[in-house]
Amino acid sequence: MEKWQIREIVLKALEEDLPFGDRTTELLIPPGLKGSAYFLAKSELVICGERVAEAVFHEIDPEIKITWHFSEGTLVPSQTRIGIAEGKIQGLLKGERVALNFLQHLSGIATKVRKMSEILNNSTILLDTRKTLPGLKILQKYAVKIGGGQNHRFSLSDGILIKDNHIKALGGLEKIIEKLETQSHTLKVEIEIKTLDELKFILEKGTKVDALLLDNFSEEDLKIAVSLIRKQRPNLLIEVSGGITEENLKKYAGLGVNFVSSGALTHSVKAVDISFKIEKVWE
């Protein structure tokens, strides 16, 4: 994640929150008043988004100094001070909410991913998806990596993933396989399948397929599918998706699949609770 990418996102956020300045702060707080404020983790969390929070304050006032007590990816207990900001009070107050919004959201993703990765216990890799919030994809996928997961495709340009609508639009799996056999490309091919019959067809005919996405398979059918793949095409990569939650994830550990993917890591994760408290004030 490059500095310019962070700055571009931060500037848009500040434009939304400070279109004509901060009326309250500018009315009440003297411009020269300085102080310090601390970031407090109010629940156990994996810290993520420090560079983004710093960028928020530095765009408002380059003289604000941020000191973090823990590095990105650290799991910290509840009620822990994770960092301190020092500078002009006006700048601290103007940047507070936007900085916290980023920090809480990204730490929420990293915390969720860490918990789910631990459930998988290194037996299977946890992947994100493209189900990200518009404009925040690069930050959300960064948070997944900080939490211990891996990124799937970043964009539609990054690989060939054939899904149900591609299959429907072309007229069925047979047409898809015919097309793959005749089209020249250098990318790995992954195809989404929803039934054991589709799987059997791919195993027999899909010689140009490198990975399979087993979507919404029952636990029983998933075990049958993994067994068939390992017997007939042991080099095929297996990804499982559909309704993956922290609660049901354990059943996928040790099942023999390579990847488990979950859109919930980014599209509906709960923000963690972090507060920002003014502690000292001086002239």
Protein backbone atom coordinates (compact mmCIF):
# COMPACT_ATOMS: atom_id res chain seq x y z
CA MET A 1 0.00 0.00 0.00
CA GLU A 2 1.66 3.20 -1.22
CA LYS A 3 1.64 6.57 0.54
CA TRP A 4 -0.14 8.25 -2.38
CA GLN A 5 -2.94 5.67 -2.26
CA ILE A 6 -3.53 6.33 1.43
CA ARG A 7 -3.46 10.09 0.87
CA GLU A 8 -6.02 9.90 -1.93
CA ILE A 9 -8.51 8.06 0.30
CA VAL A 10 -7.82 10.28 3.31
CA LEU A 11 -8.36 13.48 1.32
CA LYS A 12 -11.78 12.27 0.18
CA ALA A 13 -12.74 11.43 3.75
CA LEU A 14 -11.62 14.82 5.04
CA GLU A 15 -13.47 16.58 2.23
CA GLU A 16 -16.66 14.85 3.41
CA ASP A 17 -16.13 15.64 7.09
CA LEU A 18 -14.63 19.15 6.85
CA PRO A 19 -16.24 20.75 3.79
CA PHE A 20 -16.19 24.19 5.44
CA GLY A 21 -13.99 23.51 8.44
CA ASP A 22 -14.95 22.48 11.97
CA ARG A 23 -17.38 25.16 13.17
CA THR A 24 -17.40 23.99 16.80
CA THR A 25 -13.65 23.69 17.25
CA GLU A 26 -12.85 26.92 15.41
CA LEU A 27 -15.38 28.82 17.52
CA LEU A 28 -14.25 27.52 20.93
CA ILE A 29 -10.60 26.43 20.79
CA PRO A 30 -7.78 29.02 20.54
CA PRO A 31 -5.60 28.38 17.46
CA GLY A 32 -2.38 28.23 19.48
CA LEU A 33 -3.59 25.85 22.20
CA LYS A 34 -1.63 22.58 22.23
CA GLY A 35 -2.04 19.26 23.92
CA SER A 36 -1.91 15.49 23.74
CA ALA A 37 -4.51 12.77 23.33
CA TYR A 38 -4.29 9.01 23.55
CA PHE A 39 -5.88 6.20 21.54
CA LEU A 40 -7.53 3.65 23.84
CA ALA A 41 -8.45 0.10 22.78
CA LYS A 42 -11.73 -0.56 24.61
CA SER A 43 -11.84 -4.21 23.56
CA GLU A 44 -9.23 -6.80 22.66
CA LEU A 45 -8.16 -6.13 19.08
CA VAL A 46 -5.53 -6.50 16.38
CA ILE A 47 -4.24 -3.04 15.52
CA CYS A 48 -4.46 -1.99 11.88
CA GLY A 49 -4.56 1.38 10.14
CA GLU A 50 -1.85 3.32 11.94
CA ARG A 51 -0.45 4.85 8.75
CA VAL A 52 -3.93 5.86 7.65
CA ALA A 53 -4.71 7.54 10.98
CA GLU A 54 -1.37 9.35 10.84
CA ALA A 55 -2.14 10.57 7.32
CA VAL A 56 -5.45 12.04 8.52
CA PHE A 57 -3.81 14.19 11.18
CA HIS A 58 -0.85 15.17 8.98
CA GLU A 59 -3.15 16.42 6.22
CA ILE A 60 -4.86 18.67 8.76
CA ASP A 61 -1.67 19.76 10.56
CA PRO A 62 1.76 18.42 9.50
CA GLU A 63 3.20 19.35 12.92
CA ILE A 64 1.03 16.84 14.79
CA LYS A 65 3.19 13.99 16.09
CA ILE A 66 1.81 10.46 16.43
CA THR A 67 3.58 7.82 18.54
CA TRP A 68 2.31 4.24 18.47
CA HIS A 69 3.00 1.92 21.39
CA PHE A 70 2.40 -1.23 19.30
CA SER A 71 3.15 -2.13 15.69
CA GLU A 72 0.55 -3.08 13.07
CA GLY A 73 -0.80 -6.59 13.55
CA THR A 74 -0.26 -6.67 17.32
CA LEU A 75 -3.01 -8.20 19.43
CA VAL A 76 -3.58 -5.91 22.41
CA PRO A 77 -5.83 -6.37 25.47
CA SER A 78 -8.90 -4.31 26.26
CA GLN A 79 -8.29 -0.96 28.00
CA THR A 80 -4.80 -0.60 26.50
CA ARG A 81 -3.38 2.71 25.30
CA ILE A 82 -2.20 2.00 21.79
CA GLY A 83 -0.80 5.40 20.85
CA ILE A 84 -0.58 9.12 21.51
CA ALA A 85 -1.03 12.25 19.39
CA GLU A 86 0.54 15.59 20.23
CA GLY A 87 0.06 19.00 18.64
CA LYS A 88 -2.44 21.79 18.30
CA ILE A 89 -5.78 20.92 19.84
CA GLN A 90 -7.68 22.23 16.85
CA GLY A 91 -5.94 19.74 14.56
CA LEU A 92 -6.42 16.88 17.01
CA LEU A 93 -10.16 17.54 17.23
CA LYS A 94 -10.61 18.02 13.50
CA GLY A 95 -8.94 14.71 12.69
CA GLU A 96 -10.35 12.65 15.56
CA ARG A 97 -13.43 11.13 13.97
CA VAL A 98 -12.01 10.41 10.52
CA ALA A 99 -8.87 8.84 12.02
CA LEU A 100 -10.95 6.70 14.37
CA ASN A 101 -13.30 5.62 11.58
CA PHE A 102 -10.37 4.20 9.63
CA LEU A 103 -8.63 2.75 12.68
CA GLN A 104 -11.77 1.08 14.07
CA HIS A 105 -12.86 -0.38 10.73
CA LEU A 106 -9.47 -1.72 9.65
CA SER A 107 -8.68 -3.07 13.10
CA GLY A 108 -12.11 -4.74 13.04
CA ILE A 109 -11.19 -6.56 9.84
CA ALA A 110 -7.74 -7.56 11.12
CA THR A 111 -9.21 -8.79 14.41
CA LYS A 112 -11.87 -10.88 12.67
CA VAL A 113 -9.35 -12.39 10.26
CA ARG A 114 -6.96 -13.26 13.10
CA LYS A 115 -9.70 -15.13 14.97
CA MET A 116 -10.81 -17.05 11.90
CA SER A 117 -7.25 -17.87 10.84
CA GLU A 118 -6.57 -19.31 14.27
CA ILE A 119 -9.62 -21.56 13.95
CA LEU A 120 -8.24 -22.92 10.67
CA ASN A 121 -4.94 -23.51 12.52
CA ASN A 122 -2.72 -23.25 9.42
CA SER A 123 -4.49 -26.21 7.79
CA THR A 124 -6.25 -23.99 5.25
CA ILE A 125 -5.62 -20.44 3.99
CA LEU A 126 -8.29 -17.80 4.66
CA LEU A 127 -9.03 -15.61 1.63
CA ASP A 128 -10.95 -12.38 1.18
CA THR A 129 -13.12 -11.60 -1.86
CA ARG A 130 -14.01 -8.58 -4.00
CA LYS A 131 -16.98 -7.85 -1.73
CA THR A 132 -15.40 -4.65 -0.49
CA LEU A 133 -16.71 -1.15 0.12
CA PRO A 134 -16.27 1.10 -2.94
CA GLY A 135 -13.19 3.28 -2.58
CA LEU A 136 -11.83 1.31 0.39
CA LYS A 137 -10.76 -1.92 -1.31
CA ILE A 138 -7.02 -1.37 -0.96
CA LEU A 139 -7.34 -0.58 2.76
CA GLN A 140 -9.66 -3.48 3.49
CA LYS A 141 -7.49 -5.99 1.66
CA TYR A 142 -4.45 -4.61 3.48
CA ALA A 143 -6.26 -5.21 6.78
CA VAL A 144 -6.95 -8.82 5.78
CA LYS A 145 -3.22 -9.39 5.29
CA ILE A 146 -2.38 -7.71 8.59
CA GLY A 147 -4.83 -10.07 10.29
CA GLY A 148 -3.11 -13.11 8.79
CA GLY A 149 -5.31 -13.84 5.78
CA GLN A 150 -4.46 -13.66 2.09
CA ASN A 151 -5.90 -11.63 -0.74
CA HIS A 152 -7.80 -13.29 -3.56
CA ARG A 153 -8.13 -11.27 -6.78
CA PHE A 154 -7.76 -7.55 -6.21
CA SER A 155 -9.66 -6.76 -9.39
CA LEU A 156 -11.23 -8.40 -12.43
CA SER A 157 -7.91 -7.89 -14.22
CA ASP A 158 -5.99 -10.19 -11.88
CA GLY A 159 -7.12 -13.65 -12.93
CA ILE A 160 -9.73 -15.84 -14.55
CA LEU A 161 -12.52 -16.84 -12.17
CA ILE A 162 -15.50 -18.33 -14.01
CA LYS A 163 -18.71 -18.03 -11.99
CA ASP A 164 -22.35 -19.03 -12.41
CA ASN A 165 -23.31 -16.00 -14.47
CA HIS A 166 -20.47 -16.61 -16.94
CA ILE A 167 -21.66 -20.20 -17.29
CA LYS A 168 -25.29 -19.12 -17.71
CA ALA A 169 -24.41 -16.43 -20.24
CA LEU A 170 -22.40 -18.80 -22.42
CA GLY A 171 -24.93 -21.63 -22.25
CA GLY A 172 -23.48 -24.13 -19.80
CA LEU A 173 -20.30 -25.76 -18.58
CA GLU A 174 -19.77 -27.59 -21.87
CA LYS A 175 -19.52 -24.28 -23.73
CA ILE A 176 -17.18 -22.88 -21.07
CA ILE A 177 -14.81 -25.84 -21.36
CA GLU A 178 -14.87 -25.65 -25.18
CA LYS A 179 -13.98 -21.96 -24.97
CA LEU A 180 -11.13 -22.60 -22.55
CA GLU A 181 -9.67 -25.24 -24.86
CA THR A 182 -9.51 -22.80 -27.79
CA GLN A 183 -8.69 -19.44 -26.16
CA SER A 184 -5.03 -18.55 -25.64
CA HIS A 185 -4.02 -16.97 -22.30
CA THR A 186 -1.36 -17.21 -19.59
CA LEU A 187 -3.48 -16.90 -16.46
CA LYS A 188 -4.54 -19.57 -14.00
CA VAL A 189 -8.18 -20.63 -14.39
CA GLU A 190 -10.56 -21.13 -11.46
CA ILE A 191 -14.16 -22.19 -11.98
CA GLU A 192 -17.09 -22.10 -9.59
CA ILE A 193 -19.21 -25.24 -9.31
CA LYS A 194 -22.33 -25.88 -7.26
CA THR A 195 -23.07 -29.61 -7.63
CA LEU A 196 -21.29 -32.96 -7.65
CA ASP A 197 -22.44 -33.52 -11.25
CA GLU A 198 -20.70 -30.30 -12.31
CA LEU A 199 -17.60 -31.44 -10.45
CA LYS A 200 -17.53 -34.81 -12.21
CA PHE A 201 -17.81 -33.09 -15.60
CA ILE A 202 -14.91 -30.73 -14.80
CA LEU A 203 -12.73 -33.57 -13.54
CA GLU A 204 -13.28 -35.42 -16.80
CA LYS A 205 -13.22 -32.58 -19.34
CA GLY A 206 -11.67 -29.52 -17.70
CA THR A 207 -8.01 -30.09 -18.48
CA LYS A 208 -7.32 -26.32 -18.59
CA VAL A 209 -8.81 -25.71 -15.12
CA ASP A 210 -6.30 -25.07 -12.31
CA ALA A 211 -8.59 -24.49 -9.33
CA LEU A 212 -12.16 -25.22 -8.25
CA LEU A 213 -14.42 -23.02 -6.17
CA LEU A 214 -16.93 -25.24 -4.36
CA ASP A 215 -19.77 -22.87 -3.56
CA ASN A 216 -22.40 -23.63 -0.91
CA PHE A 217 -21.74 -27.38 -0.82
CA SER A 218 -23.28 -29.30 2.06
CA GLU A 219 -20.76 -30.80 4.47
CA GLU A 220 -21.51 -34.30 3.16
CA ASP A 221 -21.13 -33.31 -0.51
CA LEU A 222 -18.01 -31.32 0.28
CA LYS A 223 -16.31 -34.41 1.73
CA ILE A 224 -17.29 -36.43 -1.36
CA ALA A 225 -16.03 -33.64 -3.64
CA VAL A 226 -12.65 -33.35 -1.93
CA SER A 227 -12.20 -37.12 -2.09
CA LEU A 228 -13.00 -37.22 -5.81
CA ILE A 229 -10.67 -34.32 -6.61
CA ARG A 230 -7.75 -35.75 -4.65
CA LYS A 231 -8.14 -39.14 -6.35
CA GLN A 232 -8.58 -37.92 -9.93
CA ARG A 233 -6.87 -34.52 -10.10
CA PRO A 234 -4.66 -34.20 -6.97
CA ASN A 235 -2.97 -31.02 -8.23
CA LEU A 236 -6.20 -29.04 -8.49
CA LEU A 237 -6.48 -26.30 -5.89
CA ILE A 238 -9.71 -26.33 -3.88
CA GLU A 239 -11.45 -23.22 -2.57
CA VAL A 240 -14.63 -23.35 -0.49
CA SER A 241 -17.08 -20.44 -0.16
CA GLY A 242 -20.65 -19.66 0.76
CA GLY A 243 -21.98 -18.84 4.20
CA ILE A 244 -18.58 -19.04 5.88
CA THR A 245 -18.75 -17.72 9.45
CA GLU A 246 -16.61 -17.82 12.55
CA GLU A 247 -19.12 -20.24 14.04
CA ASN A 248 -19.06 -22.86 11.27
CA LEU A 249 -15.46 -22.46 10.17
CA LYS A 250 -14.06 -25.26 12.28
CA LYS A 251 -15.62 -27.94 10.10
CA TYR A 252 -13.42 -26.81 7.17
CA ALA A 253 -10.16 -27.18 9.11
CA GLY A 254 -8.38 -30.39 8.23
CA LEU A 255 -10.85 -31.21 5.46
CA GLY A 256 -8.18 -31.11 2.78
CA VAL A 257 -9.20 -27.88 1.02
CA ASN A 258 -6.57 -25.27 0.16
CA PHE A 259 -8.62 -22.14 0.71
CA VAL A 260 -11.71 -20.87 2.49
CA SER A 261 -13.02 -17.50 1.25
CA SER A 262 -15.43 -15.16 2.98
CA GLY A 263 -16.91 -11.89 1.78
CA ALA A 264 -17.98 -11.12 5.34
CA LEU A 265 -14.37 -10.33 6.22
CA THR A 266 -14.77 -7.01 4.44
CA HIS A 267 -18.39 -6.26 3.56
CA SER A 268 -20.02 -6.66 6.97
CA VAL A 269 -17.30 -6.77 9.62
CA LYS A 270 -18.01 -5.01 12.92
CA ALA A 271 -15.75 -2.10 13.82
CA VAL A 272 -13.81 -2.47 17.06
CA ASP A 273 -14.13 0.08 19.86
CA ILE A 274 -11.29 2.61 20.01
CA SER A 275 -11.58 6.00 21.69
CA PHE A 276 -9.47 9.17 21.47
CA LYS A 277 -9.13 11.17 24.67
CA ILE A 278 -7.53 14.58 25.26
CA GLU A 279 -5.22 14.17 28.24
CA LYS A 280 -2.97 17.24 28.56
CA VAL A 281 -3.34 20.84 27.40
CA TRP A 282 -0.74 23.60 27.28
CA GLU A 283 -0.19 26.97 25.66
